[in-house]
Amino acid sequence: MIAPSLEAETIKTPRLDLLPLLVEHAEEMARVLADPALHTFIGGTPDTPEALRSRYERLTAGSPDPAVTWLNWVIRLRGEDCLTGTVQATVNSAGAEIAWVVGTPWQGSGIATEATRGLVAWLDRHAVRTVIAHIHPEHRSSTAVAAAAGLTRTDEGHDGEIRWRRSRVTSPA
């Protein structure tokens, strides 16, 4: 069983630092996420810095459900010393649901794949056996990220999205 008391910690990949989300990231992240095209598959519109700050305050306060842990990171591209997106995991006793978003200027450079692989590896190290992502069936770049992170498309749908899953098998002791 997964201990839902995990805490986000810095995750390093070859080019990236996944930094635990702070309210102070809101202003820079509002610029990173300002392109309305990022909302094509998820709906909504870009948040203002103030709205994002409010959202980050709620996220960093943690889940109101003690059986659920919210883990959120911003993605920093080390070579450019700038934030480029986010990854997140909602963890409970069944596993983790993950999501990612990378700002338009950095798309196509492998950042989402590298960050998501780093997140999944981190979850592995913390004994999270099942990882799920919900992806719009027409969102080809996100399906490629999920596949590269070891998730497999299922036949299960949820709110117009397809469930992708990866279950790590543990060997008997």
C-alpha atoms as a PDB file:
ATOM      1  CA  MET A   1       0.000   0.000   0.000  1.00  0.00           C
ATOM      2  CA  ILE A   2       1.199   3.488  -0.825  1.00  0.00           C
ATOM      3  CA  ALA A   3       1.818   5.957   1.939  1.00  0.00           C
ATOM      4  CA  PRO A   4      -0.045   9.065   0.729  1.00  0.00           C
ATOM      5  CA  SER A   5       2.199  11.231   2.900  1.00  0.00           C
ATOM      6  CA  LEU A   6       4.770  11.782   0.152  1.00  0.00           C
ATOM      7  CA  GLU A   7       6.264  15.243  -0.235  1.00  0.00           C
ATOM      8  CA  ALA A   8       7.474  16.752  -3.475  1.00  0.00           C
ATOM      9  CA  GLU A   9      11.233  17.062  -3.637  1.00  0.00           C
ATOM     10  CA  THR A  10      13.539  18.262  -6.383  1.00  0.00           C
ATOM     11  CA  ILE A  11      13.854  15.749  -9.195  1.00  0.00           C
ATOM     12  CA  LYS A  12      16.836  16.089 -11.538  1.00  0.00           C
ATOM     13  CA  THR A  13      16.929  14.781 -15.100  1.00  0.00           C
ATOM     14  CA  PRO A  14      19.693  15.357 -17.667  1.00  0.00           C
ATOM     15  CA  ARG A  15      18.426  18.830 -18.666  1.00  0.00           C
ATOM     16  CA  LEU A  16      15.746  19.637 -16.121  1.00  0.00           C
ATOM     17  CA  ASP A  17      15.081  20.357 -12.482  1.00  0.00           C
ATOM     18  CA  LEU A  18      11.555  19.523 -11.354  1.00  0.00           C
ATOM     19  CA  LEU A  19      11.145  21.938  -8.453  1.00  0.00           C
ATOM     20  CA  PRO A  20       8.400  21.611  -5.847  1.00  0.00           C
ATOM     21  CA  LEU A  21       5.720  24.159  -6.637  1.00  0.00           C
ATOM     22  CA  LEU A  22       5.810  27.420  -4.705  1.00  0.00           C
ATOM     23  CA  VAL A  23       3.288  30.255  -4.757  1.00  0.00           C
ATOM     24  CA  GLU A  24       6.176  32.477  -5.882  1.00  0.00           C
ATOM     25  CA  HIS A  25       6.291  30.586  -9.204  1.00  0.00           C
ATOM     26  CA  ALA A  26       2.906  32.019 -10.236  1.00  0.00           C
ATOM     27  CA  GLU A  27       4.098  35.150 -12.031  1.00  0.00           C
ATOM     28  CA  GLU A  28       6.650  33.389 -14.238  1.00  0.00           C
ATOM     29  CA  MET A  29       4.318  30.430 -14.822  1.00  0.00           C
ATOM     30  CA  ALA A  30       1.499  32.762 -15.908  1.00  0.00           C
ATOM     31  CA  ARG A  31       3.784  33.870 -18.763  1.00  0.00           C
ATOM     32  CA  VAL A  32       4.805  30.256 -19.541  1.00  0.00           C
ATOM     33  CA  LEU A  33       1.162  29.135 -19.713  1.00  0.00           C
ATOM     34  CA  ALA A  34      -0.246  32.258 -21.411  1.00  0.00           C
ATOM     35  CA  ASP A  35      -0.909  30.690 -24.838  1.00  0.00           C
ATOM     36  CA  PRO A  36      -4.644  29.929 -25.265  1.00  0.00           C
ATOM     37  CA  ALA A  37      -3.660  26.991 -27.514  1.00  0.00           C
ATOM     38  CA  LEU A  38      -2.552  25.126 -24.367  1.00  0.00           C
ATOM     39  CA  HIS A  39      -6.244  24.849 -23.475  1.00  0.00           C
ATOM     40  CA  THR A  40      -7.361  23.224 -26.729  1.00  0.00           C
ATOM     41  CA  PHE A  41      -7.802  19.799 -25.155  1.00  0.00           C
ATOM     42  CA  ILE A  42      -8.364  20.687 -21.503  1.00  0.00           C
ATOM     43  CA  GLY A  43     -10.672  23.685 -21.873  1.00  0.00           C
ATOM     44  CA  GLY A  44     -10.588  27.002 -20.083  1.00  0.00           C
ATOM     45  CA  THR A  45      -8.357  29.968 -20.667  1.00  0.00           C
ATOM     46  CA  PRO A  46      -4.933  31.033 -19.376  1.00  0.00           C
ATOM     47  CA  ASP A  47      -4.887  32.223 -15.768  1.00  0.00           C
ATOM     48  CA  THR A  48      -3.787  35.699 -14.793  1.00  0.00           C
ATOM     49  CA  PRO A  49      -0.825  35.842 -12.402  1.00  0.00           C
ATOM     50  CA  GLU A  50      -3.283  36.605  -9.570  1.00  0.00           C
ATOM     51  CA  ALA A  51      -5.542  33.650 -10.414  1.00  0.00           C
ATOM     52  CA  LEU A  52      -2.547  31.348 -10.743  1.00  0.00           C
ATOM     53  CA  ARG A  53      -1.195  32.582  -7.397  1.00  0.00           C
ATOM     54  CA  SER A  54      -4.537  31.729  -5.795  1.00  0.00           C
ATOM     55  CA  ARG A  55      -4.529  28.300  -7.438  1.00  0.00           C
ATOM     56  CA  TYR A  56      -0.952  27.651  -6.291  1.00  0.00           C
ATOM     57  CA  GLU A  57      -1.914  28.660  -2.739  1.00  0.00           C
ATOM     58  CA  ARG A  58      -4.621  25.955  -2.781  1.00  0.00           C
ATOM     59  CA  LEU A  59      -2.307  23.361  -4.330  1.00  0.00           C
ATOM     60  CA  THR A  60       0.573  23.984  -1.937  1.00  0.00           C
ATOM     61  CA  ALA A  61      -1.814  23.825   1.043  1.00  0.00           C
ATOM     62  CA  GLY A  62      -2.443  20.210   0.084  1.00  0.00           C
ATOM     63  CA  SER A  63      -5.458  18.032  -0.456  1.00  0.00           C
ATOM     64  CA  PRO A  64      -8.298  18.407   2.022  1.00  0.00           C
ATOM     65  CA  ASP A  65      -8.651  14.605   1.870  1.00  0.00           C
ATOM     66  CA  PRO A  66      -6.050  12.976   4.154  1.00  0.00           C
ATOM     67  CA  ALA A  67      -6.047   9.857   1.937  1.00  0.00           C
ATOM     68  CA  VAL A  68      -4.917  11.909  -1.079  1.00  0.00           C
ATOM     69  CA  THR A  69      -1.615  13.704  -1.615  1.00  0.00           C
ATOM     70  CA  TRP A  70      -1.169  16.453  -4.192  1.00  0.00           C
ATOM     71  CA  LEU A  71       2.350  16.692  -5.588  1.00  0.00           C
ATOM     72  CA  ASN A  72       3.179  19.534  -7.953  1.00  0.00           C
ATOM     73  CA  TRP A  73       6.388  20.645  -9.612  1.00  0.00           C
ATOM     74  CA  VAL A  74       7.460  23.358 -12.006  1.00  0.00           C
ATOM     75  CA  ILE A  75       9.862  22.340 -14.756  1.00  0.00           C
ATOM     76  CA  ARG A  76      13.058  24.391 -14.935  1.00  0.00           C
ATOM     77  CA  LEU A  77      15.218  24.080 -18.035  1.00  0.00           C
ATOM     78  CA  ARG A  78      18.655  24.258 -16.449  1.00  0.00           C
ATOM     79  CA  GLY A  79      20.554  25.535 -19.523  1.00  0.00           C
ATOM     80  CA  GLU A  80      18.227  28.521 -19.957  1.00  0.00           C
ATOM     81  CA  ASP A  81      17.451  28.971 -16.241  1.00  0.00           C
ATOM     82  CA  CYS A  82      13.755  29.400 -16.936  1.00  0.00           C
ATOM     83  CA  LEU A  83      10.526  27.671 -16.062  1.00  0.00           C
ATOM     84  CA  THR A  84       8.906  25.815 -18.960  1.00  0.00           C
ATOM     85  CA  GLY A  85       5.885  23.967 -17.544  1.00  0.00           C
ATOM     86  CA  THR A  86       4.547  21.739 -14.785  1.00  0.00           C
ATOM     87  CA  VAL A  87       4.104  18.104 -13.828  1.00  0.00           C
ATOM     88  CA  GLN A  88       1.820  16.815 -11.126  1.00  0.00           C
ATOM     89  CA  ALA A  89       0.769  13.640  -9.383  1.00  0.00           C
ATOM     90  CA  THR A  90      -2.298  12.997  -7.278  1.00  0.00           C
ATOM     91  CA  VAL A  91      -1.435  10.022  -5.096  1.00  0.00           C
ATOM     92  CA  ASN A  92      -3.720   7.740  -3.107  1.00  0.00           C
ATOM     93  CA  SER A  93      -3.670   4.101  -2.029  1.00  0.00           C
ATOM     94  CA  ALA A  94      -4.526   2.957  -5.578  1.00  0.00           C
ATOM     95  CA  GLY A  95      -1.582   4.753  -7.215  1.00  0.00           C
ATOM     96  CA  ALA A  96      -1.007   8.103  -8.891  1.00  0.00           C
ATOM     97  CA  GLU A  97      -2.750  10.108 -11.564  1.00  0.00           C
ATOM     98  CA  ILE A  98      -0.272  12.299 -13.386  1.00  0.00           C
ATOM     99  CA  ALA A  99      -0.463  15.246 -15.747  1.00  0.00           C
ATOM    100  CA  TRP A 100       1.949  17.587 -17.485  1.00  0.00           C
ATOM    101  CA  VAL A 101       1.940  20.797 -19.485  1.00  0.00           C
ATOM    102  CA  VAL A 102       4.799  22.545 -21.260  1.00  0.00           C
ATOM    103  CA  GLY A 103       4.625  26.099 -22.538  1.00  0.00           C
ATOM    104  CA  THR A 104       4.318  26.548 -26.298  1.00  0.00           C
ATOM    105  CA  PRO A 105       7.839  27.943 -26.881  1.00  0.00           C
ATOM    106  CA  TRP A 106       9.397  24.748 -25.475  1.00  0.00           C
ATOM    107  CA  GLN A 107       7.110  22.169 -27.058  1.00  0.00           C
ATOM    108  CA  GLY A 108       8.690  19.680 -29.416  1.00  0.00           C
ATOM    109  CA  SER A 109      12.019  19.700 -27.582  1.00  0.00           C
ATOM    110  CA  GLY A 110      11.417  16.620 -25.431  1.00  0.00           C
ATOM    111  CA  ILE A 111      10.870  18.533 -22.194  1.00  0.00           C
ATOM    112  CA  ALA A 112       7.460  16.967 -21.462  1.00  0.00           C
ATOM    113  CA  THR A 113       8.834  13.477 -22.104  1.00  0.00           C
ATOM    114  CA  GLU A 114      11.939  14.016 -19.977  1.00  0.00           C
ATOM    115  CA  ALA A 115       9.970  15.579 -17.128  1.00  0.00           C
ATOM    116  CA  THR A 116       7.287  12.877 -17.184  1.00  0.00           C
ATOM    117  CA  ARG A 117       9.860  10.087 -17.254  1.00  0.00           C
ATOM    118  CA  GLY A 118      11.576  11.750 -14.299  1.00  0.00           C
ATOM    119  CA  LEU A 119       8.284  11.961 -12.419  1.00  0.00           C
ATOM    120  CA  VAL A 120       7.385   8.314 -13.128  1.00  0.00           C
ATOM    121  CA  ALA A 121      10.865   7.181 -12.022  1.00  0.00           C
ATOM    122  CA  TRP A 122      10.478   9.207  -8.817  1.00  0.00           C
ATOM    123  CA  LEU A 123       7.079   7.598  -8.176  1.00  0.00           C
ATOM    124  CA  ASP A 124       8.700   4.175  -8.742  1.00  0.00           C
ATOM    125  CA  ARG A 125      11.328   4.955  -6.102  1.00  0.00           C
ATOM    126  CA  HIS A 126       8.499   5.789  -3.696  1.00  0.00           C
ATOM    127  CA  ALA A 127       6.687   2.470  -4.269  1.00  0.00           C
ATOM    128  CA  VAL A 128       3.846   3.893  -6.349  1.00  0.00           C
ATOM    129  CA  ARG A 129       2.946   0.871  -8.431  1.00  0.00           C
ATOM    130  CA  THR A 130       0.184   2.219 -10.682  1.00  0.00           C
ATOM    131  CA  VAL A 131       0.446   5.421 -12.710  1.00  0.00           C
ATOM    132  CA  ILE A 132      -2.484   6.746 -14.732  1.00  0.00           C
ATOM    133  CA  ALA A 133      -2.881   9.659 -17.124  1.00  0.00           C
ATOM    134  CA  HIS A 134      -6.078  10.837 -18.812  1.00  0.00           C
ATOM    135  CA  ILE A 135      -5.451  12.107 -22.333  1.00  0.00           C
ATOM    136  CA  HIS A 136      -7.747  13.510 -25.002  1.00  0.00           C
ATOM    137  CA  PRO A 137      -7.792  10.971 -27.859  1.00  0.00           C
ATOM    138  CA  GLU A 138      -6.715  13.615 -30.401  1.00  0.00           C
ATOM    139  CA  HIS A 139      -3.820  14.992 -28.335  1.00  0.00           C
ATOM    140  CA  ARG A 140      -1.019  13.228 -30.194  1.00  0.00           C
ATOM    141  CA  SER A 141       1.872  14.871 -28.396  1.00  0.00           C
ATOM    142  CA  SER A 142       0.534  13.858 -24.977  1.00  0.00           C
ATOM    143  CA  THR A 143      -0.101  10.300 -26.146  1.00  0.00           C
ATOM    144  CA  ALA A 144       3.538  10.179 -27.287  1.00  0.00           C
ATOM    145  CA  VAL A 145       4.691  11.471 -23.874  1.00  0.00           C
ATOM    146  CA  ALA A 146       2.586   8.861 -22.059  1.00  0.00           C
ATOM    147  CA  ALA A 147       3.944   6.051 -24.230  1.00  0.00           C
ATOM    148  CA  ALA A 148       7.536   7.242 -23.754  1.00  0.00           C
ATOM    149  CA  ALA A 149       6.983   7.246 -19.978  1.00  0.00           C
ATOM    150  CA  GLY A 150       5.892   3.599 -20.106  1.00  0.00           C
ATOM    151  CA  LEU A 151       2.132   4.062 -19.943  1.00  0.00           C
ATOM    152  CA  THR A 152      -0.140   2.020 -22.212  1.00  0.00           C
ATOM    153  CA  ARG A 153      -3.433   3.122 -23.698  1.00  0.00           C
ATOM    154  CA  THR A 154      -6.444   1.318 -22.251  1.00  0.00           C
ATOM    155  CA  ASP A 155      -9.998   1.001 -23.534  1.00  0.00           C
ATOM    156  CA  GLU A 156     -11.252   2.952 -20.523  1.00  0.00           C
ATOM    157  CA  GLY A 157     -12.594   6.457 -21.000  1.00  0.00           C
ATOM    158  CA  HIS A 158     -13.231   9.255 -18.522  1.00  0.00           C
ATOM    159  CA  ASP A 159     -14.834  12.628 -19.360  1.00  0.00           C
ATOM    160  CA  GLY A 160     -13.969  12.296 -23.054  1.00  0.00           C
ATOM    161  CA  GLU A 161     -10.385  11.305 -22.357  1.00  0.00           C
ATOM    162  CA  ILE A 162      -8.640   7.948 -22.650  1.00  0.00           C
ATOM    163  CA  ARG A 163      -7.012   6.365 -19.621  1.00  0.00           C
ATOM    164  CA  TRP A 164      -3.340   5.438 -20.007  1.00  0.00           C
ATOM    165  CA  ARG A 165      -1.884   3.142 -17.353  1.00  0.00           C
ATOM    166  CA  ARG A 166       1.384   1.703 -16.182  1.00  0.00           C
ATOM    167  CA  SER A 167       1.500  -0.892 -13.452  1.00  0.00           C
ATOM    168  CA  ARG A 168       4.831  -1.926 -12.036  1.00  0.00           C
ATOM    169  CA  VAL A 169       5.019  -5.573 -11.117  1.00  0.00           C
ATOM    170  CA  THR A 170       6.936  -6.384  -7.983  1.00  0.00           C
ATOM    171  CA  SER A 171       8.811  -9.614  -7.760  1.00  0.00           C
ATOM    172  CA  PRO A 172       8.075 -11.985  -4.896  1.00  0.00           C
ATOM    173  CA  ALA A 173      10.411 -11.793  -1.940  1.00  0.00           C
END
